[in-house]
Amino acid sequence: MSEFDDIAAQRPANIDEAIPCMQNALRYFHERDDYRAIFLRAYYIITLNVHAAINQRGDYTNPIFFDAGWVSSQAGHFASLYFRSLTTFERDPDAERAWKVAHGMAQERSSTVLQDLLLGLNAHINYDLAYGTYLNLKQHGDEVQHLSLPRRKFDHDQVNNILIRSIPQIAETLTRDYGGGIQLLRKTMNGLDVVLSGTGLKYYRERVWWSAISYLATTDDEEVNLVHQRSNWESAQLAKRIADRSIWSLPVRTVGRAIRKEKFGDITLETPVRGA
């Protein structure tokens, strides 16, 4: 197996296993100036912040989850689906369509930094997250303990707040390491992007939760596939809009590609916050 095959085959069981897996992939992408690094770098920052919240470190000195172990397991499922997506072109052309757009544009180097970020977020949230949440609910027997579902929903929503708090750090890091002007956009919009991103993230993660419950309510593989196909179709439609190649978006895309870095250089990765 090649080094890339080893990375794509990673299947972490929890957040502690997910972090070094992501580090391996980021170093691999950076060594090759691979644009797939952009989304993964943002995802890595979010994962570190969730890890801090789970372990009550850094800014998260008080517990914010009912069941931190469930959240850690959820992160493992979620990361495993991301690594699986790296081999999406080996599978059915109609499967994982949002990931095919995201990884395809990154490998073609035809996208802006913002597009790489948004395409990855769309595929990972609107396609992967519902199924990953379903797998985690099944693993913990939540389909037979219905009163546990509101507790899981609370923890799911708590992650929303971590995502929103991560936006400034993501914008600063991506602009510094990859160019693209996301940090300048934040300053120009005077914080409006945080409001809009927060609203959008909450909206889509709310939809994802109910898709996960739809998975949980299925009675056979055919019904599971029905839910899967809806997520596939909906995430693909949003991917098409983000990947807009029309003449109307040409000036923005031209500027965006002109100010992004072609060479990434060495990567200095943030590390998990240590305990006291």
C-alpha atoms as a PDB file:
ATOM      1  CA  MET A   1       0.000   0.000   0.000  1.00  0.00           C
ATOM      2  CA  SER A   2       1.115   3.567  -0.692  1.00  0.00           C
ATOM      3  CA  GLU A   3       1.353   6.261   1.991  1.00  0.00           C
ATOM      4  CA  PHE A   4      -1.862   7.797   0.654  1.00  0.00           C
ATOM      5  CA  ASP A   5      -3.633   4.431   0.869  1.00  0.00           C
ATOM      6  CA  ASP A   6      -2.527   4.136   4.503  1.00  0.00           C
ATOM      7  CA  ILE A   7      -3.949   7.580   5.261  1.00  0.00           C
ATOM      8  CA  ALA A   8      -7.253   6.881   3.511  1.00  0.00           C
ATOM      9  CA  ALA A   9      -7.555   3.583   5.401  1.00  0.00           C
ATOM     10  CA  GLN A  10      -7.373   5.256   8.831  1.00  0.00           C
ATOM     11  CA  ARG A  11     -10.473   4.559  10.938  1.00  0.00           C
ATOM     12  CA  PRO A  12     -10.124   6.233  14.344  1.00  0.00           C
ATOM     13  CA  ALA A  13     -12.526   5.061  17.046  1.00  0.00           C
ATOM     14  CA  ASN A  14     -12.568   8.308  19.030  1.00  0.00           C
ATOM     15  CA  ILE A  15     -11.262  11.852  19.077  1.00  0.00           C
ATOM     16  CA  ASP A  16      -7.917  10.928  20.655  1.00  0.00           C
ATOM     17  CA  GLU A  17      -7.227   8.581  17.754  1.00  0.00           C
ATOM     18  CA  ALA A  18      -8.582  11.045  15.181  1.00  0.00           C
ATOM     19  CA  ILE A  19      -6.107  13.839  15.966  1.00  0.00           C
ATOM     20  CA  PRO A  20      -2.875  12.011  14.988  1.00  0.00           C
ATOM     21  CA  CYS A  21      -4.651  10.596  11.928  1.00  0.00           C
ATOM     22  CA  MET A  22      -5.430  14.140  10.798  1.00  0.00           C
ATOM     23  CA  GLN A  23      -1.862  15.227  11.517  1.00  0.00           C
ATOM     24  CA  ASN A  24      -0.573  12.438   9.264  1.00  0.00           C
ATOM     25  CA  ALA A  25      -2.856  13.540   6.429  1.00  0.00           C
ATOM     26  CA  LEU A  26      -2.034  17.238   6.805  1.00  0.00           C
ATOM     27  CA  ARG A  27       1.708  16.589   6.655  1.00  0.00           C
ATOM     28  CA  TYR A  28       1.179  14.418   3.567  1.00  0.00           C
ATOM     29  CA  PHE A  29      -0.877  17.118   1.817  1.00  0.00           C
ATOM     30  CA  HIS A  30       1.568  19.882   2.746  1.00  0.00           C
ATOM     31  CA  GLU A  31       4.553  18.003   1.406  1.00  0.00           C
ATOM     32  CA  ARG A  32       2.763  17.898  -1.962  1.00  0.00           C
ATOM     33  CA  ASP A  33       1.116  21.360  -1.905  1.00  0.00           C
ATOM     34  CA  ASP A  34      -2.182  19.506  -2.158  1.00  0.00           C
ATOM     35  CA  TYR A  35      -5.207  21.809  -1.902  1.00  0.00           C
ATOM     36  CA  ARG A  36      -7.094  19.127   0.012  1.00  0.00           C
ATOM     37  CA  ALA A  37      -5.149  20.437   3.012  1.00  0.00           C
ATOM     38  CA  ILE A  38      -7.378  23.536   3.263  1.00  0.00           C
ATOM     39  CA  PHE A  39     -10.564  21.894   4.497  1.00  0.00           C
ATOM     40  CA  LEU A  40      -8.678  19.375   6.609  1.00  0.00           C
ATOM     41  CA  ARG A  41      -6.779  22.164   8.371  1.00  0.00           C
ATOM     42  CA  ALA A  42     -10.093  23.800   9.325  1.00  0.00           C
ATOM     43  CA  TYR A  43     -11.530  20.440  10.383  1.00  0.00           C
ATOM     44  CA  TYR A  44      -8.403  19.781  12.465  1.00  0.00           C
ATOM     45  CA  ILE A  45      -8.795  23.100  14.323  1.00  0.00           C
ATOM     46  CA  ILE A  46     -12.441  22.322  15.074  1.00  0.00           C
ATOM     47  CA  THR A  47     -11.484  18.847  16.306  1.00  0.00           C
ATOM     48  CA  LEU A  48      -8.837  20.284  18.644  1.00  0.00           C
ATOM     49  CA  ASN A  49     -11.420  22.653  20.108  1.00  0.00           C
ATOM     50  CA  VAL A  50     -13.928  19.825  20.592  1.00  0.00           C
ATOM     51  CA  HIS A  51     -11.130  17.828  22.244  1.00  0.00           C
ATOM     52  CA  ALA A  52     -10.464  20.721  24.636  1.00  0.00           C
ATOM     53  CA  ALA A  53     -14.166  20.900  25.509  1.00  0.00           C
ATOM     54  CA  ILE A  54     -14.383  17.151  26.086  1.00  0.00           C
ATOM     55  CA  ASN A  55     -11.388  17.271  28.436  1.00  0.00           C
ATOM     56  CA  GLN A  56     -12.282  20.637  30.042  1.00  0.00           C
ATOM     57  CA  ARG A  57      -9.053  22.322  28.995  1.00  0.00           C
ATOM     58  CA  GLY A  58      -8.121  25.745  27.680  1.00  0.00           C
ATOM     59  CA  ASP A  59     -11.207  27.943  27.342  1.00  0.00           C
ATOM     60  CA  TYR A  60     -13.461  25.069  28.398  1.00  0.00           C
ATOM     61  CA  THR A  61     -12.834  24.771  32.116  1.00  0.00           C
ATOM     62  CA  ASN A  62     -16.424  23.725  32.874  1.00  0.00           C
ATOM     63  CA  PRO A  63     -18.216  20.673  31.433  1.00  0.00           C
ATOM     64  CA  ILE A  64     -20.500  21.463  28.485  1.00  0.00           C
ATOM     65  CA  PHE A  65     -21.602  17.952  27.484  1.00  0.00           C
ATOM     66  CA  PHE A  66     -23.921  15.450  29.141  1.00  0.00           C
ATOM     67  CA  ASP A  67     -21.779  12.598  27.817  1.00  0.00           C
ATOM     68  CA  ALA A  68     -18.275  13.578  26.698  1.00  0.00           C
ATOM     69  CA  GLY A  69     -17.538   9.951  25.801  1.00  0.00           C
ATOM     70  CA  TRP A  70     -20.403   9.930  23.305  1.00  0.00           C
ATOM     71  CA  VAL A  71     -19.038  13.102  21.680  1.00  0.00           C
ATOM     72  CA  SER A  72     -15.560  11.560  21.497  1.00  0.00           C
ATOM     73  CA  SER A  73     -16.963   8.469  19.810  1.00  0.00           C
ATOM     74  CA  GLN A  74     -18.943  10.661  17.423  1.00  0.00           C
ATOM     75  CA  ALA A  75     -15.707  12.395  16.406  1.00  0.00           C
ATOM     76  CA  GLY A  76     -14.198   9.002  15.608  1.00  0.00           C
ATOM     77  CA  HIS A  77     -17.067   8.023  13.310  1.00  0.00           C
ATOM     78  CA  PHE A  78     -16.997  11.438  11.665  1.00  0.00           C
ATOM     79  CA  ALA A  79     -13.236  11.359  11.013  1.00  0.00           C
ATOM     80  CA  SER A  80     -13.442   7.813   9.646  1.00  0.00           C
ATOM     81  CA  LEU A  81     -15.994   8.927   7.075  1.00  0.00           C
ATOM     82  CA  TYR A  82     -13.704  11.785   6.050  1.00  0.00           C
ATOM     83  CA  PHE A  83     -10.760   9.443   5.457  1.00  0.00           C
ATOM     84  CA  ARG A  84     -13.006   7.089   3.513  1.00  0.00           C
ATOM     85  CA  SER A  85     -14.010  10.018   1.284  1.00  0.00           C
ATOM     86  CA  LEU A  86     -10.413  10.354   0.062  1.00  0.00           C
ATOM     87  CA  THR A  87     -11.007   7.285  -2.132  1.00  0.00           C
ATOM     88  CA  THR A  88     -14.396   8.456  -3.406  1.00  0.00           C
ATOM     89  CA  PHE A  89     -13.337   8.294  -7.077  1.00  0.00           C
ATOM     90  CA  GLU A  90     -12.839   4.539  -6.704  1.00  0.00           C
ATOM     91  CA  ARG A  91     -16.563   4.108  -6.061  1.00  0.00           C
ATOM     92  CA  ASP A  92     -19.830   4.669  -7.943  1.00  0.00           C
ATOM     93  CA  PRO A  93     -19.798   8.018  -9.825  1.00  0.00           C
ATOM     94  CA  ASP A  94     -23.226   8.797  -8.367  1.00  0.00           C
ATOM     95  CA  ALA A  95     -22.144   8.133  -4.764  1.00  0.00           C
ATOM     96  CA  GLU A  96     -20.670  10.758  -2.419  1.00  0.00           C
ATOM     97  CA  ARG A  97     -21.268  13.411  -5.072  1.00  0.00           C
ATOM     98  CA  ALA A  98     -20.482  16.346  -2.790  1.00  0.00           C
ATOM     99  CA  TRP A  99     -17.128  14.807  -1.910  1.00  0.00           C
ATOM    100  CA  LYS A 100     -16.347  14.210  -5.570  1.00  0.00           C
ATOM    101  CA  VAL A 101     -16.865  17.917  -6.249  1.00  0.00           C
ATOM    102  CA  ALA A 102     -14.826  18.975  -3.201  1.00  0.00           C
ATOM    103  CA  HIS A 103     -11.876  16.631  -3.752  1.00  0.00           C
ATOM    104  CA  GLY A 104     -12.051  17.028  -7.530  1.00  0.00           C
ATOM    105  CA  MET A 105     -11.745  20.816  -7.519  1.00  0.00           C
ATOM    106  CA  ALA A 106      -8.963  20.686  -4.929  1.00  0.00           C
ATOM    107  CA  GLN A 107      -6.968  18.196  -6.994  1.00  0.00           C
ATOM    108  CA  GLU A 108      -7.567  20.206 -10.180  1.00  0.00           C
ATOM    109  CA  ARG A 109      -6.340  23.321  -8.304  1.00  0.00           C
ATOM    110  CA  SER A 110      -9.222  25.201  -9.911  1.00  0.00           C
ATOM    111  CA  SER A 111     -10.796  26.482  -6.678  1.00  0.00           C
ATOM    112  CA  THR A 112     -10.309  29.366  -4.288  1.00  0.00           C
ATOM    113  CA  VAL A 113      -9.402  28.829  -0.637  1.00  0.00           C
ATOM    114  CA  LEU A 114     -12.938  29.800   0.363  1.00  0.00           C
ATOM    115  CA  GLN A 115     -14.415  27.300  -2.091  1.00  0.00           C
ATOM    116  CA  ASP A 116     -12.187  24.510  -0.773  1.00  0.00           C
ATOM    117  CA  LEU A 117     -13.309  25.309   2.764  1.00  0.00           C
ATOM    118  CA  LEU A 118     -17.025  25.541   1.954  1.00  0.00           C
ATOM    119  CA  LEU A 119     -17.056  22.477  -0.310  1.00  0.00           C
ATOM    120  CA  GLY A 120     -15.419  20.409   2.415  1.00  0.00           C
ATOM    121  CA  LEU A 121     -17.763  21.703   5.096  1.00  0.00           C
ATOM    122  CA  ASN A 122     -20.780  20.978   2.906  1.00  0.00           C
ATOM    123  CA  ALA A 123     -19.745  17.402   2.127  1.00  0.00           C
ATOM    124  CA  HIS A 124     -18.675  16.638   5.670  1.00  0.00           C
ATOM    125  CA  ILE A 125     -21.728  18.138   7.387  1.00  0.00           C
ATOM    126  CA  ASN A 126     -24.527  17.624   4.875  1.00  0.00           C
ATOM    127  CA  TYR A 127     -23.403  14.208   3.670  1.00  0.00           C
ATOM    128  CA  ASP A 128     -21.227  12.549   6.329  1.00  0.00           C
ATOM    129  CA  LEU A 129     -22.551  13.898   9.603  1.00  0.00           C
ATOM    130  CA  ALA A 130     -26.051  12.418   9.531  1.00  0.00           C
ATOM    131  CA  TYR A 131     -24.732   8.934   8.822  1.00  0.00           C
ATOM    132  CA  GLY A 132     -21.921   9.288  11.343  1.00  0.00           C
ATOM    133  CA  THR A 133     -24.401  10.411  13.998  1.00  0.00           C
ATOM    134  CA  TYR A 134     -26.634   7.458  13.148  1.00  0.00           C
ATOM    135  CA  LEU A 135     -23.725   5.038  13.540  1.00  0.00           C
ATOM    136  CA  ASN A 136     -22.876   6.563  16.902  1.00  0.00           C
ATOM    137  CA  LEU A 137     -26.483   6.417  18.120  1.00  0.00           C
ATOM    138  CA  LYS A 138     -26.659   2.747  17.112  1.00  0.00           C
ATOM    139  CA  GLN A 139     -23.332   1.981  18.782  1.00  0.00           C
ATOM    140  CA  HIS A 140     -24.661   3.358  22.077  1.00  0.00           C
ATOM    141  CA  GLY A 141     -28.072   1.678  21.848  1.00  0.00           C
ATOM    142  CA  ASP A 142     -29.930   4.965  21.621  1.00  0.00           C
ATOM    143  CA  GLU A 143     -32.577   3.520  19.296  1.00  0.00           C
ATOM    144  CA  VAL A 144     -34.016   1.543  22.226  1.00  0.00           C
ATOM    145  CA  GLN A 145     -33.625   4.276  24.844  1.00  0.00           C
ATOM    146  CA  HIS A 146     -35.697   7.077  23.387  1.00  0.00           C
ATOM    147  CA  LEU A 147     -35.274   9.319  26.423  1.00  0.00           C
ATOM    148  CA  SER A 148     -31.545   9.399  25.665  1.00  0.00           C
ATOM    149  CA  LEU A 149     -32.152  11.143  22.332  1.00  0.00           C
ATOM    150  CA  PRO A 150     -32.814  14.604  23.831  1.00  0.00           C
ATOM    151  CA  ARG A 151     -29.541  14.246  25.743  1.00  0.00           C
ATOM    152  CA  ARG A 152     -27.706  13.380  22.528  1.00  0.00           C
ATOM    153  CA  LYS A 153     -29.361  16.333  20.774  1.00  0.00           C
ATOM    154  CA  PHE A 154     -28.125  18.660  23.521  1.00  0.00           C
ATOM    155  CA  ASP A 155     -24.543  17.464  23.032  1.00  0.00           C
ATOM    156  CA  HIS A 156     -24.948  17.704  19.241  1.00  0.00           C
ATOM    157  CA  ASP A 157     -26.034  21.343  19.618  1.00  0.00           C
ATOM    158  CA  GLN A 158     -23.198  22.149  22.001  1.00  0.00           C
ATOM    159  CA  VAL A 159     -20.771  21.332  19.191  1.00  0.00           C
ATOM    160  CA  ASN A 160     -22.490  24.071  17.135  1.00  0.00           C
ATOM    161  CA  ASN A 161     -21.196  26.650  19.590  1.00  0.00           C
ATOM    162  CA  ILE A 162     -17.659  25.250  19.365  1.00  0.00           C
ATOM    163  CA  LEU A 163     -17.832  25.488  15.567  1.00  0.00           C
ATOM    164  CA  ILE A 164     -18.862  29.131  15.720  1.00  0.00           C
ATOM    165  CA  ARG A 165     -16.122  29.967  18.212  1.00  0.00           C
ATOM    166  CA  SER A 166     -13.616  28.308  15.843  1.00  0.00           C
ATOM    167  CA  ILE A 167     -14.402  30.574  12.866  1.00  0.00           C
ATOM    168  CA  PRO A 168     -11.957  33.409  13.690  1.00  0.00           C
ATOM    169  CA  GLN A 169      -9.102  30.966  14.291  1.00  0.00           C
ATOM    170  CA  ILE A 170      -9.876  29.122  11.060  1.00  0.00           C
ATOM    171  CA  ALA A 171      -9.949  32.359   9.038  1.00  0.00           C
ATOM    172  CA  GLU A 172      -6.639  33.539  10.480  1.00  0.00           C
ATOM    173  CA  THR A 173      -4.896  30.179  10.008  1.00  0.00           C
ATOM    174  CA  LEU A 174      -6.102  29.536   6.466  1.00  0.00           C
ATOM    175  CA  THR A 175      -5.208  33.058   5.337  1.00  0.00           C
ATOM    176  CA  ARG A 176      -1.725  32.792   6.865  1.00  0.00           C
ATOM    177  CA  ASP A 177      -0.901  29.347   5.478  1.00  0.00           C
ATOM    178  CA  TYR A 178      -2.816  29.248   2.189  1.00  0.00           C
ATOM    179  CA  GLY A 179      -3.626  32.845   1.231  1.00  0.00           C
ATOM    180  CA  GLY A 180      -7.044  33.478  -0.251  1.00  0.00           C
ATOM    181  CA  GLY A 181      -7.972  36.513   1.820  1.00  0.00           C
ATOM    182  CA  ILE A 182     -10.519  34.916   4.164  1.00  0.00           C
ATOM    183  CA  GLN A 183      -9.169  36.977   7.066  1.00  0.00           C
ATOM    184  CA  LEU A 184      -9.463  40.176   5.001  1.00  0.00           C
ATOM    185  CA  LEU A 185     -13.037  39.240   4.153  1.00  0.00           C
ATOM    186  CA  ARG A 186     -13.811  38.871   7.860  1.00  0.00           C
ATOM    187  CA  LYS A 187     -12.410  42.311   8.621  1.00  0.00           C
ATOM    188  CA  THR A 188     -14.174  43.909   5.670  1.00  0.00           C
ATOM    189  CA  MET A 189     -17.491  42.417   6.747  1.00  0.00           C
ATOM    190  CA  ASN A 190     -16.846  43.518  10.339  1.00  0.00           C
ATOM    191  CA  GLY A 191     -17.894  40.240  11.896  1.00  0.00           C
ATOM    192  CA  LEU A 192     -20.942  39.703   9.692  1.00  0.00           C
ATOM    193  CA  ASP A 193     -19.392  36.490   8.365  1.00  0.00           C
ATOM    194  CA  VAL A 194     -19.412  35.027  11.885  1.00  0.00           C
ATOM    195  CA  VAL A 195     -23.135  35.728  12.188  1.00  0.00           C
ATOM    196  CA  LEU A 196     -23.890  34.320   8.741  1.00  0.00           C
ATOM    197  CA  SER A 197     -21.654  31.294   9.191  1.00  0.00           C
ATOM    198  CA  GLY A 198     -23.102  30.630  12.617  1.00  0.00           C
ATOM    199  CA  THR A 199     -26.632  30.822  11.292  1.00  0.00           C
ATOM    200  CA  GLY A 200     -25.809  28.556   8.352  1.00  0.00           C
ATOM    201  CA  LEU A 201     -23.983  25.991  10.477  1.00  0.00           C
ATOM    202  CA  LYS A 202     -26.848  25.776  12.956  1.00  0.00           C
ATOM    203  CA  TYR A 203     -29.399  25.450  10.159  1.00  0.00           C
ATOM    204  CA  TYR A 204     -27.614  22.602   8.399  1.00  0.00           C
ATOM    205  CA  ARG A 205     -26.644  20.781  11.585  1.00  0.00           C
ATOM    206  CA  GLU A 206     -30.286  20.926  12.692  1.00  0.00           C
ATOM    207  CA  ARG A 207     -31.310  19.281   9.406  1.00  0.00           C
ATOM    208  CA  VAL A 208     -28.540  16.735   9.870  1.00  0.00           C
ATOM    209  CA  TRP A 209     -29.850  15.742  13.291  1.00  0.00           C
ATOM    210  CA  TRP A 210     -33.280  14.911  11.900  1.00  0.00           C
ATOM    211  CA  SER A 211     -31.709  12.995   9.035  1.00  0.00           C
ATOM    212  CA  ALA A 212     -29.835  10.947  11.633  1.00  0.00           C
ATOM    213  CA  ILE A 213     -33.160  10.252  13.373  1.00  0.00           C
ATOM    214  CA  SER A 214     -34.598   9.210   9.986  1.00  0.00           C
ATOM    215  CA  TYR A 215     -31.746   6.717   9.666  1.00  0.00           C
ATOM    216  CA  LEU A 216     -32.518   5.486  13.169  1.00  0.00           C
ATOM    217  CA  ALA A 217     -36.178   4.954  12.241  1.00  0.00           C
ATOM    218  CA  THR A 218     -35.423   2.768   9.216  1.00  0.00           C
ATOM    219  CA  THR A 219     -36.435  -0.891   9.246  1.00  0.00           C
ATOM    220  CA  ASP A 220     -34.240  -2.352   6.484  1.00  0.00           C
ATOM    221  CA  ASP A 221     -31.308  -1.605   4.171  1.00  0.00           C
ATOM    222  CA  GLU A 222     -33.599  -0.264   1.466  1.00  0.00           C
ATOM    223  CA  GLU A 223     -34.889   2.439   3.802  1.00  0.00           C
ATOM    224  CA  VAL A 224     -31.355   3.251   4.969  1.00  0.00           C
ATOM    225  CA  ASN A 225     -30.395   3.722   1.325  1.00  0.00           C
ATOM    226  CA  LEU A 226     -33.400   6.005   0.817  1.00  0.00           C
ATOM    227  CA  VAL A 227     -32.162   8.384   3.539  1.00  0.00           C
ATOM    228  CA  HIS A 228     -28.615   8.096   2.203  1.00  0.00           C
ATOM    229  CA  GLN A 229     -29.692   9.067  -1.301  1.00  0.00           C
ATOM    230  CA  ARG A 230     -31.523  12.139  -0.019  1.00  0.00           C
ATOM    231  CA  SER A 231     -28.371  13.332   1.770  1.00  0.00           C
ATOM    232  CA  ASN A 232     -26.349  12.577  -1.352  1.00  0.00           C
ATOM    233  CA  TRP A 233     -28.681  14.588  -3.585  1.00  0.00           C
ATOM    234  CA  GLU A 234     -29.098  17.575  -1.249  1.00  0.00           C
ATOM    235  CA  SER A 235     -25.376  17.934  -0.520  1.00  0.00           C
ATOM    236  CA  ALA A 236     -24.608  17.647  -4.243  1.00  0.00           C
ATOM    237  CA  GLN A 237     -26.972  20.514  -5.065  1.00  0.00           C
ATOM    238  CA  LEU A 238     -25.237  22.800  -2.575  1.00  0.00           C
ATOM    239  CA  ALA A 239     -21.820  21.683  -3.849  1.00  0.00           C
ATOM    240  CA  LYS A 240     -22.799  22.749  -7.365  1.00  0.00           C
ATOM    241  CA  ARG A 241     -23.701  26.222  -6.130  1.00  0.00           C
ATOM    242  CA  ILE A 242     -20.465  26.615  -4.172  1.00  0.00           C
ATOM    243  CA  ALA A 243     -18.412  25.359  -7.134  1.00  0.00           C
ATOM    244  CA  ASP A 244     -20.068  27.862  -9.488  1.00  0.00           C
ATOM    245  CA  ARG A 245     -18.000  28.124 -12.685  1.00  0.00           C
ATOM    246  CA  SER A 246     -20.319  30.527 -14.499  1.00  0.00           C
ATOM    247  CA  ILE A 247     -19.098  33.678 -16.224  1.00  0.00           C
ATOM    248  CA  TRP A 248     -20.760  35.745 -13.505  1.00  0.00           C
ATOM    249  CA  SER A 249     -18.457  34.377 -10.831  1.00  0.00           C
ATOM    250  CA  LEU A 250     -15.322  34.568 -13.008  1.00  0.00           C
ATOM    251  CA  PRO A 251     -13.942  37.844 -11.565  1.00  0.00           C
ATOM    252  CA  VAL A 252     -14.259  36.605  -7.983  1.00  0.00           C
ATOM    253  CA  ARG A 253     -12.742  33.229  -8.840  1.00  0.00           C
ATOM    254  CA  THR A 254      -9.889  34.857 -10.761  1.00  0.00           C
ATOM    255  CA  VAL A 255      -8.963  37.116  -7.849  1.00  0.00           C
ATOM    256  CA  GLY A 256      -9.400  34.282  -5.352  1.00  0.00           C
ATOM    257  CA  ARG A 257      -7.040  31.996  -7.244  1.00  0.00           C
ATOM    258  CA  ALA A 258      -4.541  34.806  -7.805  1.00  0.00           C
ATOM    259  CA  ILE A 259      -4.126  35.499  -4.070  1.00  0.00           C
ATOM    260  CA  ARG A 260      -3.911  31.905  -2.894  1.00  0.00           C
ATOM    261  CA  LYS A 261      -0.556  30.265  -2.281  1.00  0.00           C
ATOM    262  CA  GLU A 262       0.735  27.733  -4.781  1.00  0.00           C
ATOM    263  CA  LYS A 263       3.415  26.480  -2.380  1.00  0.00           C
ATOM    264  CA  PHE A 264       2.515  25.769   1.246  1.00  0.00           C
ATOM    265  CA  GLY A 265       5.899  25.188   2.813  1.00  0.00           C
ATOM    266  CA  ASP A 266       6.426  23.445   6.126  1.00  0.00           C
ATOM    267  CA  ILE A 267       3.419  23.085   8.387  1.00  0.00           C
ATOM    268  CA  THR A 268       3.408  23.889  12.082  1.00  0.00           C
ATOM    269  CA  LEU A 269       0.400  22.166  13.564  1.00  0.00           C
ATOM    270  CA  GLU A 270      -1.483  23.219  16.633  1.00  0.00           C
ATOM    271  CA  THR A 271      -1.469  20.569  19.346  1.00  0.00           C
ATOM    272  CA  PRO A 272      -4.121  19.518  21.880  1.00  0.00           C
ATOM    273  CA  VAL A 273      -4.277  21.685  24.991  1.00  0.00           C
ATOM    274  CA  ARG A 274      -2.626  19.866  27.868  1.00  0.00           C
ATOM    275  CA  GLY A 275      -4.241  19.434  31.251  1.00  0.00           C
ATOM    276  CA  ALA A 276      -3.183  21.363  34.307  1.00  0.00           C
END
